[in-house]
Amino acid sequence: MRERRALRELAEGGVLLTCRALESGWPARGLTRALRAEGWGRLQAGAWAEPGREADLFVRLRAVQLLNPRLVVSHRSAAALWRIETLAPATEVPLEFIDPALTFRGKARGVRVRRARLDRGDTALRHGLRLTSPARTLADLLRSLPRDDALVALESGVGYRRVGQVRRAPLTSLDTVGAALALPGQGAARARRRLGLCDPRAGSPAETVARLRMTDAALRPESQVELITPAGRRVVLDFLFRCEGLAVEIEGYAYHGTREAHRRDISRFNQVLQCPEVRGLLRFTAQDVFHHPDRMISEIRAALLASG
């Protein structure tokens, strides 16, 4: 009788498939008891997380892909792996996949599988997982998400961003995303129209949503406006109504990273007021943008009327 391998030796990326344990000689009867005794955590039917391993997004996605190797991580799951921001909290990112073989009929807890074709350039490998490329990921989100969510993801993916503690360069371009939407398909026409709403210079999800709220209210400020202070320092405004001399800034350390970044923002606001193009300044937090947009729009309208 061959010697049984330890369960940890059979795991891949912290995930053990029950079938691998059985193939290695572990008996079906008593395997679950042995796994629980060692502290393994059940992820899906037939997949376990090794003791001490957090069942985070990577581990849960790996479990599904090991059980179904033809599935490709996609949509919001792929966005999280690429560090593309979305409006969904990090703890609520769903497990989403594409089946390019168009044959998947199974069910798994908390998993959504779409059947769709994928070209050779539509996939990539990241953190040991097969996933859709940045351009294909953004194209899929433009097709499937509500407008605000989709534009937040698009502007994050095509711009420089600090996501968590990581500063990253643009992952793709608008032209490349547009090419990924060239073929007809469900939601493709609407997705292509949304490309025209994109501002790759937006610096955060809050700035994206603030601009969309102003657009919906028929307010058309310039965005990401570069000005020079009398002392020769360069400042970039989130928004500027140039004729009225009204600057609008979106701030809040919850979205800019740290309290030190928040302090730097306050210093910058003071410099903005020194610019001759700016005669008034409104500041809104991310909380204002996401939870009190009507109040934000009312204050902007009032300031614009007062400036006239």
C-alpha atoms as a PDB file:
ATOM      1  CA  MET A   1       0.000   0.000   0.000  1.00  0.00           C
ATOM      2  CA  ARG A   2       1.419   3.371  -0.997  1.00  0.00           C
ATOM      3  CA  GLU A   3       2.001   5.960   1.718  1.00  0.00           C
ATOM      4  CA  ARG A   4      -0.633   8.682   1.889  1.00  0.00           C
ATOM      5  CA  ARG A   5       0.633  12.219   1.255  1.00  0.00           C
ATOM      6  CA  ALA A   6      -0.096  14.888   3.854  1.00  0.00           C
ATOM      7  CA  LEU A   7      -3.131  16.994   3.018  1.00  0.00           C
ATOM      8  CA  ARG A   8      -1.107  20.217   2.953  1.00  0.00           C
ATOM      9  CA  GLU A   9       1.168  18.723   0.286  1.00  0.00           C
ATOM     10  CA  LEU A  10      -1.857  18.184  -1.944  1.00  0.00           C
ATOM     11  CA  ALA A  11      -3.049  21.793  -1.730  1.00  0.00           C
ATOM     12  CA  GLU A  12      -2.501  24.312  -4.533  1.00  0.00           C
ATOM     13  CA  GLY A  13      -2.299  27.968  -3.577  1.00  0.00           C
ATOM     14  CA  GLY A  14      -3.815  27.180  -0.203  1.00  0.00           C
ATOM     15  CA  VAL A  15      -6.747  25.231  -1.697  1.00  0.00           C
ATOM     16  CA  LEU A  16      -7.240  21.470  -1.476  1.00  0.00           C
ATOM     17  CA  LEU A  17      -9.635  19.635  -3.762  1.00  0.00           C
ATOM     18  CA  THR A  18     -11.344  16.635  -2.217  1.00  0.00           C
ATOM     19  CA  CYS A  19     -10.759  14.680  -5.447  1.00  0.00           C
ATOM     20  CA  ARG A  20      -6.976  15.135  -5.110  1.00  0.00           C
ATOM     21  CA  ALA A  21      -7.041  13.753  -1.582  1.00  0.00           C
ATOM     22  CA  LEU A  22      -9.059  10.760  -2.736  1.00  0.00           C
ATOM     23  CA  GLU A  23      -6.741  10.141  -5.712  1.00  0.00           C
ATOM     24  CA  SER A  24      -3.799  10.268  -3.335  1.00  0.00           C
ATOM     25  CA  GLY A  25      -5.217   7.421  -1.224  1.00  0.00           C
ATOM     26  CA  TRP A  26      -7.240   9.157   1.451  1.00  0.00           C
ATOM     27  CA  PRO A  27     -10.430   7.187   2.146  1.00  0.00           C
ATOM     28  CA  ALA A  28     -13.757   8.824   1.319  1.00  0.00           C
ATOM     29  CA  ARG A  29     -15.078   7.783   4.701  1.00  0.00           C
ATOM     30  CA  GLY A  30     -13.449   9.916   7.333  1.00  0.00           C
ATOM     31  CA  LEU A  31     -11.834  12.482   4.978  1.00  0.00           C
ATOM     32  CA  THR A  32     -14.155  15.295   6.021  1.00  0.00           C
ATOM     33  CA  ARG A  33     -13.535  14.442   9.672  1.00  0.00           C
ATOM     34  CA  ALA A  34      -9.771  14.552   9.088  1.00  0.00           C
ATOM     35  CA  LEU A  35      -9.997  17.903   7.289  1.00  0.00           C
ATOM     36  CA  ARG A  36     -12.040  19.498  10.053  1.00  0.00           C
ATOM     37  CA  ALA A  37      -9.754  18.051  12.718  1.00  0.00           C
ATOM     38  CA  GLU A  38      -6.757  19.746  11.055  1.00  0.00           C
ATOM     39  CA  GLY A  39      -8.603  23.064  10.751  1.00  0.00           C
ATOM     40  CA  TRP A  40      -9.373  23.132   7.028  1.00  0.00           C
ATOM     41  CA  GLY A  41     -12.229  25.453   6.039  1.00  0.00           C
ATOM     42  CA  ARG A  42     -14.838  24.464   3.465  1.00  0.00           C
ATOM     43  CA  LEU A  43     -14.962  26.858   0.495  1.00  0.00           C
ATOM     44  CA  GLN A  44     -17.162  25.034  -1.987  1.00  0.00           C
ATOM     45  CA  ALA A  45     -18.395  21.497  -2.346  1.00  0.00           C
ATOM     46  CA  GLY A  46     -15.148  19.651  -3.005  1.00  0.00           C
ATOM     47  CA  ALA A  47     -12.746  22.488  -2.080  1.00  0.00           C
ATOM     48  CA  TRP A  48     -11.129  23.436   1.231  1.00  0.00           C
ATOM     49  CA  ALA A  49      -8.891  26.285   2.461  1.00  0.00           C
ATOM     50  CA  GLU A  50      -5.788  25.181   4.333  1.00  0.00           C
ATOM     51  CA  PRO A  51      -5.576  25.825   8.084  1.00  0.00           C
ATOM     52  CA  GLY A  52      -4.738  29.445   8.891  1.00  0.00           C
ATOM     53  CA  ARG A  53      -5.462  30.612   5.343  1.00  0.00           C
ATOM     54  CA  GLU A  54      -7.942  33.486   5.119  1.00  0.00           C
ATOM     55  CA  ALA A  55     -10.779  32.713   2.722  1.00  0.00           C
ATOM     56  CA  ASP A  56     -10.206  35.967   0.823  1.00  0.00           C
ATOM     57  CA  LEU A  57     -11.214  36.729  -2.749  1.00  0.00           C
ATOM     58  CA  PHE A  58      -8.095  35.100  -4.242  1.00  0.00           C
ATOM     59  CA  VAL A  59      -8.604  31.853  -2.347  1.00  0.00           C
ATOM     60  CA  ARG A  60     -12.322  31.651  -3.153  1.00  0.00           C
ATOM     61  CA  LEU A  61     -11.706  32.355  -6.850  1.00  0.00           C
ATOM     62  CA  ARG A  62      -8.916  29.773  -6.934  1.00  0.00           C
ATOM     63  CA  ALA A  63     -11.228  27.139  -5.448  1.00  0.00           C
ATOM     64  CA  VAL A  64     -13.836  27.683  -8.160  1.00  0.00           C
ATOM     65  CA  GLN A  65     -11.250  27.712 -10.950  1.00  0.00           C
ATOM     66  CA  LEU A  66      -9.549  24.547  -9.689  1.00  0.00           C
ATOM     67  CA  LEU A  67     -12.924  22.807  -9.641  1.00  0.00           C
ATOM     68  CA  ASN A  68     -13.780  24.180 -13.111  1.00  0.00           C
ATOM     69  CA  PRO A  69     -10.489  24.891 -14.983  1.00  0.00           C
ATOM     70  CA  ARG A  70     -12.185  26.208 -18.124  1.00  0.00           C
ATOM     71  CA  LEU A  71     -13.815  29.100 -16.236  1.00  0.00           C
ATOM     72  CA  VAL A  72     -12.154  32.521 -16.563  1.00  0.00           C
ATOM     73  CA  VAL A  73     -12.352  35.094 -13.754  1.00  0.00           C
ATOM     74  CA  SER A  74     -14.272  38.114 -15.071  1.00  0.00           C
ATOM     75  CA  HIS A  75     -16.277  41.275 -14.386  1.00  0.00           C
ATOM     76  CA  ARG A  76     -15.962  42.647 -10.819  1.00  0.00           C
ATOM     77  CA  SER A  77     -13.800  39.727  -9.682  1.00  0.00           C
ATOM     78  CA  ALA A  78     -11.299  40.443 -12.458  1.00  0.00           C
ATOM     79  CA  ALA A  79     -11.487  44.165 -11.665  1.00  0.00           C
ATOM     80  CA  ALA A  80     -10.441  43.458  -8.075  1.00  0.00           C
ATOM     81  CA  LEU A  81      -7.473  41.374  -9.235  1.00  0.00           C
ATOM     82  CA  TRP A  82      -6.347  44.177 -11.580  1.00  0.00           C
ATOM     83  CA  ARG A  83      -6.855  46.790  -8.806  1.00  0.00           C
ATOM     84  CA  ILE A  84      -9.603  48.491 -10.786  1.00  0.00           C
ATOM     85  CA  GLU A  85     -11.858  50.401  -8.430  1.00  0.00           C
ATOM     86  CA  THR A  86     -15.611  49.832  -8.390  1.00  0.00           C
ATOM     87  CA  LEU A  87     -18.373  51.128  -6.144  1.00  0.00           C
ATOM     88  CA  ALA A  88     -18.764  47.737  -4.459  1.00  0.00           C
ATOM     89  CA  PRO A  89     -16.897  47.447  -1.120  1.00  0.00           C
ATOM     90  CA  ALA A  90     -13.913  45.126  -1.299  1.00  0.00           C
ATOM     91  CA  THR A  91     -15.634  42.699   1.064  1.00  0.00           C
ATOM     92  CA  GLU A  92     -18.638  42.425  -1.253  1.00  0.00           C
ATOM     93  CA  VAL A  93     -16.953  41.632  -4.571  1.00  0.00           C
ATOM     94  CA  PRO A  94     -18.894  38.731  -6.128  1.00  0.00           C
ATOM     95  CA  LEU A  95     -17.307  35.627  -7.616  1.00  0.00           C
ATOM     96  CA  GLU A  96     -17.820  36.138 -11.354  1.00  0.00           C
ATOM     97  CA  PHE A  97     -16.590  33.998 -14.246  1.00  0.00           C
ATOM     98  CA  ILE A  98     -16.973  33.551 -17.987  1.00  0.00           C
ATOM     99  CA  ASP A  99     -17.273  30.120 -19.591  1.00  0.00           C
ATOM    100  CA  PRO A 100     -15.799  30.515 -23.096  1.00  0.00           C
ATOM    101  CA  ALA A 101     -16.832  26.959 -23.966  1.00  0.00           C
ATOM    102  CA  LEU A 102     -20.491  28.000 -23.562  1.00  0.00           C
ATOM    103  CA  THR A 103     -21.285  24.701 -21.876  1.00  0.00           C
ATOM    104  CA  PHE A 104     -21.319  25.394 -18.123  1.00  0.00           C
ATOM    105  CA  ARG A 105     -24.512  24.232 -16.454  1.00  0.00           C
ATOM    106  CA  GLY A 106     -23.364  23.673 -12.899  1.00  0.00           C
ATOM    107  CA  LYS A 107     -24.129  25.618  -9.745  1.00  0.00           C
ATOM    108  CA  ALA A 108     -21.786  26.764  -6.994  1.00  0.00           C
ATOM    109  CA  ARG A 109     -22.499  28.754  -3.866  1.00  0.00           C
ATOM    110  CA  GLY A 110     -22.194  32.499  -4.462  1.00  0.00           C
ATOM    111  CA  VAL A 111     -20.787  32.087  -7.987  1.00  0.00           C
ATOM    112  CA  ARG A 112     -22.086  33.676 -11.189  1.00  0.00           C
ATOM    113  CA  VAL A 113     -21.022  32.199 -14.530  1.00  0.00           C
ATOM    114  CA  ARG A 114     -21.744  33.868 -17.875  1.00  0.00           C
ATOM    115  CA  ARG A 115     -21.367  32.010 -21.157  1.00  0.00           C
ATOM    116  CA  ALA A 116     -19.479  34.196 -23.657  1.00  0.00           C
ATOM    117  CA  ARG A 117     -16.806  33.928 -26.329  1.00  0.00           C
ATOM    118  CA  LEU A 118     -13.271  35.020 -25.485  1.00  0.00           C
ATOM    119  CA  ASP A 119     -10.591  35.790 -28.073  1.00  0.00           C
ATOM    120  CA  ARG A 120      -6.935  34.947 -27.529  1.00  0.00           C
ATOM    121  CA  GLY A 121      -6.097  38.462 -26.339  1.00  0.00           C
ATOM    122  CA  ASP A 122      -9.039  38.606 -23.932  1.00  0.00           C
ATOM    123  CA  THR A 123      -7.367  36.617 -21.154  1.00  0.00           C
ATOM    124  CA  ALA A 124      -4.302  36.910 -18.950  1.00  0.00           C
ATOM    125  CA  LEU A 125      -2.685  35.202 -15.954  1.00  0.00           C
ATOM    126  CA  ARG A 126      -2.458  37.000 -12.616  1.00  0.00           C
ATOM    127  CA  HIS A 127      -1.758  35.659  -9.134  1.00  0.00           C
ATOM    128  CA  GLY A 128      -1.990  32.177 -10.610  1.00  0.00           C
ATOM    129  CA  LEU A 129      -5.526  32.767 -11.861  1.00  0.00           C
ATOM    130  CA  ARG A 130      -6.727  32.947 -15.448  1.00  0.00           C
ATOM    131  CA  LEU A 131      -8.769  36.122 -15.877  1.00  0.00           C
ATOM    132  CA  THR A 132     -10.019  38.539 -18.489  1.00  0.00           C
ATOM    133  CA  SER A 133      -7.590  41.228 -19.674  1.00  0.00           C
ATOM    134  CA  PRO A 134      -8.016  44.798 -18.384  1.00  0.00           C
ATOM    135  CA  ALA A 135      -9.647  45.931 -21.646  1.00  0.00           C
ATOM    136  CA  ARG A 136     -12.031  42.985 -21.773  1.00  0.00           C
ATOM    137  CA  THR A 137     -12.823  43.403 -18.060  1.00  0.00           C
ATOM    138  CA  LEU A 138     -13.733  47.067 -18.548  1.00  0.00           C
ATOM    139  CA  ALA A 139     -15.732  46.288 -21.685  1.00  0.00           C
ATOM    140  CA  ASP A 140     -17.725  43.676 -19.758  1.00  0.00           C
ATOM    141  CA  LEU A 141     -18.360  46.103 -16.896  1.00  0.00           C
ATOM    142  CA  LEU A 142     -19.508  48.814 -19.322  1.00  0.00           C
ATOM    143  CA  ARG A 143     -22.013  46.344 -20.731  1.00  0.00           C
ATOM    144  CA  SER A 144     -23.297  44.948 -17.459  1.00  0.00           C
ATOM    145  CA  LEU A 145     -23.085  47.532 -14.665  1.00  0.00           C
ATOM    146  CA  PRO A 146     -25.221  50.621 -14.023  1.00  0.00           C
ATOM    147  CA  ARG A 147     -23.752  53.763 -15.574  1.00  0.00           C
ATOM    148  CA  ASP A 148     -22.107  55.210 -12.463  1.00  0.00           C
ATOM    149  CA  ASP A 149     -20.510  51.902 -11.450  1.00  0.00           C
ATOM    150  CA  ALA A 150     -19.288  51.305 -14.997  1.00  0.00           C
ATOM    151  CA  LEU A 151     -17.709  54.776 -15.352  1.00  0.00           C
ATOM    152  CA  VAL A 152     -15.998  54.487 -11.973  1.00  0.00           C
ATOM    153  CA  ALA A 153     -14.363  51.254 -13.130  1.00  0.00           C
ATOM    154  CA  LEU A 154     -13.492  52.608 -16.582  1.00  0.00           C
ATOM    155  CA  GLU A 155     -11.846  55.788 -15.299  1.00  0.00           C
ATOM    156  CA  SER A 156      -9.954  53.814 -12.680  1.00  0.00           C
ATOM    157  CA  GLY A 157      -8.657  51.365 -15.272  1.00  0.00           C
ATOM    158  CA  VAL A 158      -7.468  53.943 -17.815  1.00  0.00           C
ATOM    159  CA  GLY A 159      -5.931  56.354 -15.286  1.00  0.00           C
ATOM    160  CA  TYR A 160      -3.149  56.529 -12.717  1.00  0.00           C
ATOM    161  CA  ARG A 161      -4.491  55.448  -9.339  1.00  0.00           C
ATOM    162  CA  ARG A 162      -3.488  54.588  -5.806  1.00  0.00           C
ATOM    163  CA  VAL A 163      -5.576  51.579  -4.819  1.00  0.00           C
ATOM    164  CA  GLY A 164      -4.991  50.502  -1.245  1.00  0.00           C
ATOM    165  CA  GLN A 165      -1.283  51.074  -0.721  1.00  0.00           C
ATOM    166  CA  VAL A 166      -0.380  50.433  -4.350  1.00  0.00           C
ATOM    167  CA  ARG A 167       0.261  53.188  -6.894  1.00  0.00           C
ATOM    168  CA  ARG A 168      -0.298  51.861 -10.395  1.00  0.00           C
ATOM    169  CA  ALA A 169      -0.121  53.142 -13.972  1.00  0.00           C
ATOM    170  CA  PRO A 170      -3.033  52.978 -16.448  1.00  0.00           C
ATOM    171  CA  LEU A 171      -3.876  49.372 -17.295  1.00  0.00           C
ATOM    172  CA  THR A 172      -5.223  50.046 -20.780  1.00  0.00           C
ATOM    173  CA  SER A 173      -6.536  52.841 -23.022  1.00  0.00           C
ATOM    174  CA  LEU A 174      -9.942  54.038 -24.117  1.00  0.00           C
ATOM    175  CA  ASP A 175      -9.148  53.015 -27.694  1.00  0.00           C
ATOM    176  CA  THR A 176      -8.355  49.470 -26.589  1.00  0.00           C
ATOM    177  CA  VAL A 177     -11.562  49.249 -24.569  1.00  0.00           C
ATOM    178  CA  GLY A 178     -13.452  50.617 -27.567  1.00  0.00           C
ATOM    179  CA  ALA A 179     -11.939  47.901 -29.753  1.00  0.00           C
ATOM    180  CA  ALA A 180     -13.120  45.293 -27.248  1.00  0.00           C
ATOM    181  CA  LEU A 181     -16.643  46.671 -27.725  1.00  0.00           C
ATOM    182  CA  ALA A 182     -16.463  46.731 -31.524  1.00  0.00           C
ATOM    183  CA  LEU A 183     -18.305  43.474 -32.038  1.00  0.00           C
ATOM    184  CA  PRO A 184     -22.088  43.538 -31.608  1.00  0.00           C
ATOM    185  CA  GLY A 185     -23.485  42.007 -28.458  1.00  0.00           C
ATOM    186  CA  GLN A 186     -25.889  42.572 -25.613  1.00  0.00           C
ATOM    187  CA  GLY A 187     -25.308  46.061 -24.214  1.00  0.00           C
ATOM    188  CA  ALA A 188     -22.471  46.871 -26.640  1.00  0.00           C
ATOM    189  CA  ALA A 189     -24.125  49.941 -28.193  1.00  0.00           C
ATOM    190  CA  ARG A 190     -24.917  51.438 -24.790  1.00  0.00           C
ATOM    191  CA  ALA A 191     -21.411  50.623 -23.586  1.00  0.00           C
ATOM    192  CA  ARG A 192     -19.856  52.447 -26.559  1.00  0.00           C
ATOM    193  CA  ARG A 193     -21.946  55.540 -25.774  1.00  0.00           C
ATOM    194  CA  ARG A 194     -20.658  55.461 -22.225  1.00  0.00           C
ATOM    195  CA  LEU A 195     -17.087  55.761 -23.493  1.00  0.00           C
ATOM    196  CA  GLY A 196     -17.894  59.352 -24.419  1.00  0.00           C
ATOM    197  CA  LEU A 197     -18.606  60.156 -20.752  1.00  0.00           C
ATOM    198  CA  CYS A 198     -15.152  59.073 -19.616  1.00  0.00           C
ATOM    199  CA  ASP A 199     -12.541  61.457 -18.222  1.00  0.00           C
ATOM    200  CA  PRO A 200      -9.294  59.481 -17.801  1.00  0.00           C
ATOM    201  CA  ARG A 201      -7.876  62.257 -15.622  1.00  0.00           C
ATOM    202  CA  ALA A 202     -10.393  61.698 -12.811  1.00  0.00           C
ATOM    203  CA  GLY A 203      -8.541  60.914  -9.602  1.00  0.00           C
ATOM    204  CA  SER A 204     -11.004  58.882  -7.564  1.00  0.00           C
ATOM    205  CA  PRO A 205     -14.426  57.200  -7.622  1.00  0.00           C
ATOM    206  CA  ALA A 206     -15.841  60.185  -5.749  1.00  0.00           C
ATOM    207  CA  GLU A 207     -14.633  62.589  -8.454  1.00  0.00           C
ATOM    208  CA  THR A 208     -16.180  60.410 -11.160  1.00  0.00           C
ATOM    209  CA  VAL A 209     -19.562  60.280  -9.443  1.00  0.00           C
ATOM    210  CA  ALA A 210     -19.482  64.015  -8.612  1.00  0.00           C
ATOM    211  CA  ARG A 211     -18.888  64.852 -12.287  1.00  0.00           C
ATOM    212  CA  LEU A 212     -21.736  62.565 -13.368  1.00  0.00           C
ATOM    213  CA  ARG A 213     -24.085  64.170 -10.837  1.00  0.00           C
ATOM    214  CA  MET A 214     -23.189  67.614 -12.179  1.00  0.00           C
ATOM    215  CA  THR A 215     -23.658  66.413 -15.768  1.00  0.00           C
ATOM    216  CA  ASP A 216     -27.100  65.061 -14.873  1.00  0.00           C
ATOM    217  CA  ALA A 217     -27.929  68.477 -13.422  1.00  0.00           C
ATOM    218  CA  ALA A 218     -26.860  70.225 -16.670  1.00  0.00           C
ATOM    219  CA  LEU A 219     -23.746  71.659 -14.990  1.00  0.00           C
ATOM    220  CA  ARG A 220     -20.634  71.529 -17.174  1.00  0.00           C
ATOM    221  CA  PRO A 221     -17.476  72.517 -15.297  1.00  0.00           C
ATOM    222  CA  GLU A 222     -13.982  71.958 -16.655  1.00  0.00           C
ATOM    223  CA  SER A 223     -12.304  69.048 -14.889  1.00  0.00           C
ATOM    224  CA  GLN A 224      -8.712  68.516 -13.749  1.00  0.00           C
ATOM    225  CA  VAL A 225      -7.787  72.144 -14.466  1.00  0.00           C
ATOM    226  CA  GLU A 226      -4.146  73.133 -14.037  1.00  0.00           C
ATOM    227  CA  LEU A 227      -3.497  76.585 -12.518  1.00  0.00           C
ATOM    228  CA  ILE A 228      -0.394  78.413 -11.309  1.00  0.00           C
ATOM    229  CA  THR A 229      -0.403  80.311  -8.004  1.00  0.00           C
ATOM    230  CA  PRO A 230       1.172  83.801  -7.740  1.00  0.00           C
ATOM    231  CA  ALA A 231       4.114  82.073  -6.028  1.00  0.00           C
ATOM    232  CA  GLY A 232       4.579  79.878  -9.110  1.00  0.00           C
ATOM    233  CA  ARG A 233       3.236  76.657  -7.627  1.00  0.00           C
ATOM    234  CA  ARG A 234       1.196  74.315  -9.819  1.00  0.00           C
ATOM    235  CA  VAL A 235      -2.201  73.184  -8.563  1.00  0.00           C
ATOM    236  CA  VAL A 236      -4.781  70.981 -10.268  1.00  0.00           C
ATOM    237  CA  LEU A 237      -8.443  71.597  -9.516  1.00  0.00           C
ATOM    238  CA  ASP A 238     -10.988  68.800  -9.570  1.00  0.00           C
ATOM    239  CA  PHE A 239     -13.549  71.122 -11.215  1.00  0.00           C
ATOM    240  CA  LEU A 240     -13.689  74.764 -12.289  1.00  0.00           C
ATOM    241  CA  PHE A 241     -16.583  76.878 -13.516  1.00  0.00           C
ATOM    242  CA  ARG A 242     -14.237  79.330 -15.189  1.00  0.00           C
ATOM    243  CA  CYS A 243     -16.664  82.138 -16.038  1.00  0.00           C
ATOM    244  CA  GLU A 244     -17.986  82.265 -12.490  1.00  0.00           C
ATOM    245  CA  GLY A 245     -14.542  81.671 -10.933  1.00  0.00           C
ATOM    246  CA  LEU A 246     -15.968  78.811  -8.843  1.00  0.00           C
ATOM    247  CA  ALA A 247     -13.738  75.859  -7.975  1.00  0.00           C
ATOM    248  CA  VAL A 248     -15.186  72.600  -6.683  1.00  0.00           C
ATOM    249  CA  GLU A 249     -12.968  70.144  -4.843  1.00  0.00           C
ATOM    250  CA  ILE A 250     -13.763  66.623  -3.656  1.00  0.00           C
ATOM    251  CA  GLU A 251     -11.806  65.676  -0.555  1.00  0.00           C
ATOM    252  CA  GLY A 252     -11.725  63.230   2.319  1.00  0.00           C
ATOM    253  CA  TYR A 253      -8.915  61.069   3.696  1.00  0.00           C
ATOM    254  CA  ALA A 254     -11.053  57.938   3.383  1.00  0.00           C
ATOM    255  CA  TYR A 255     -10.618  58.191  -0.393  1.00  0.00           C
ATOM    256  CA  HIS A 256      -7.219  59.874  -0.604  1.00  0.00           C
ATOM    257  CA  GLY A 257      -5.439  57.227   1.443  1.00  0.00           C
ATOM    258  CA  THR A 258      -4.177  58.683   4.754  1.00  0.00           C
ATOM    259  CA  ARG A 259      -4.615  61.569   7.170  1.00  0.00           C
ATOM    260  CA  GLU A 260      -1.322  62.979   5.888  1.00  0.00           C
ATOM    261  CA  ALA A 261      -2.756  63.015   2.356  1.00  0.00           C
ATOM    262  CA  HIS A 262      -5.800  64.769   3.778  1.00  0.00           C
ATOM    263  CA  ARG A 263      -3.531  67.406   5.400  1.00  0.00           C
ATOM    264  CA  ARG A 264      -1.815  67.986   2.070  1.00  0.00           C
ATOM    265  CA  ASP A 265      -5.226  68.454   0.447  1.00  0.00           C
ATOM    266  CA  ILE A 266      -6.107  71.193   2.943  1.00  0.00           C
ATOM    267  CA  SER A 267      -2.821  72.979   2.202  1.00  0.00           C
ATOM    268  CA  ARG A 268      -3.569  72.725  -1.506  1.00  0.00           C
ATOM    269  CA  PHE A 269      -7.051  74.213  -1.028  1.00  0.00           C
ATOM    270  CA  ASN A 270      -5.463  77.276   0.534  1.00  0.00           C
ATOM    271  CA  GLN A 271      -3.151  77.605  -2.479  1.00  0.00           C
ATOM    272  CA  VAL A 272      -6.117  77.295  -4.849  1.00  0.00           C
ATOM    273  CA  LEU A 273      -7.695  80.399  -3.338  1.00  0.00           C
ATOM    274  CA  GLN A 274      -4.572  82.363  -4.224  1.00  0.00           C
ATOM    275  CA  CYS A 275      -5.089  81.711  -7.963  1.00  0.00           C
ATOM    276  CA  PRO A 276      -6.563  84.735  -9.799  1.00  0.00           C
ATOM    277  CA  GLU A 277      -8.953  82.456 -11.738  1.00  0.00           C
ATOM    278  CA  VAL A 278     -10.599  81.338  -8.493  1.00  0.00           C
ATOM    279  CA  ARG A 279     -12.981  83.644  -6.667  1.00  0.00           C
ATOM    280  CA  GLY A 280     -14.852  81.004  -4.732  1.00  0.00           C
ATOM    281  CA  LEU A 281     -14.224  77.459  -3.554  1.00  0.00           C
ATOM    282  CA  LEU A 282     -16.601  74.694  -2.538  1.00  0.00           C
ATOM    283  CA  ARG A 283     -15.327  71.519  -0.904  1.00  0.00           C
ATOM    284  CA  PHE A 284     -17.274  68.284  -0.644  1.00  0.00           C
ATOM    285  CA  THR A 285     -16.388  64.985   0.974  1.00  0.00           C
ATOM    286  CA  ALA A 286     -16.868  61.592  -0.609  1.00  0.00           C
ATOM    287  CA  GLN A 287     -19.740  61.124   1.852  1.00  0.00           C
ATOM    288  CA  ASP A 288     -21.416  64.222   0.388  1.00  0.00           C
ATOM    289  CA  VAL A 289     -21.007  62.881  -3.137  1.00  0.00           C
ATOM    290  CA  PHE A 290     -22.297  59.388  -2.479  1.00  0.00           C
ATOM    291  CA  HIS A 291     -24.963  60.062   0.134  1.00  0.00           C
ATOM    292  CA  HIS A 292     -26.083  63.690  -0.285  1.00  0.00           C
ATOM    293  CA  PRO A 293     -25.689  64.515  -3.996  1.00  0.00           C
ATOM    294  CA  ASP A 294     -28.818  66.703  -4.128  1.00  0.00           C
ATOM    295  CA  ARG A 295     -27.426  68.889  -1.359  1.00  0.00           C
ATOM    296  CA  MET A 296     -24.106  69.146  -3.229  1.00  0.00           C
ATOM    297  CA  ILE A 297     -25.830  70.210  -6.454  1.00  0.00           C
ATOM    298  CA  SER A 298     -27.976  72.772  -4.599  1.00  0.00           C
ATOM    299  CA  GLU A 299     -24.897  74.349  -3.011  1.00  0.00           C
ATOM    300  CA  ILE A 300     -23.109  74.514  -6.355  1.00  0.00           C
ATOM    301  CA  ARG A 301     -26.135  76.143  -8.022  1.00  0.00           C
ATOM    302  CA  ALA A 302     -26.435  78.680  -5.208  1.00  0.00           C
ATOM    303  CA  ALA A 303     -22.742  79.568  -5.460  1.00  0.00           C
ATOM    304  CA  LEU A 304     -22.970  79.968  -9.224  1.00  0.00           C
ATOM    305  CA  LEU A 305     -25.976  82.289  -8.882  1.00  0.00           C
ATOM    306  CA  ALA A 306     -24.229  84.331  -6.213  1.00  0.00           C
ATOM    307  CA  SER A 307     -21.145  84.715  -8.385  1.00  0.00           C
ATOM    308  CA  GLY A 308     -23.260  86.188 -11.195  1.00  0.00           C
END
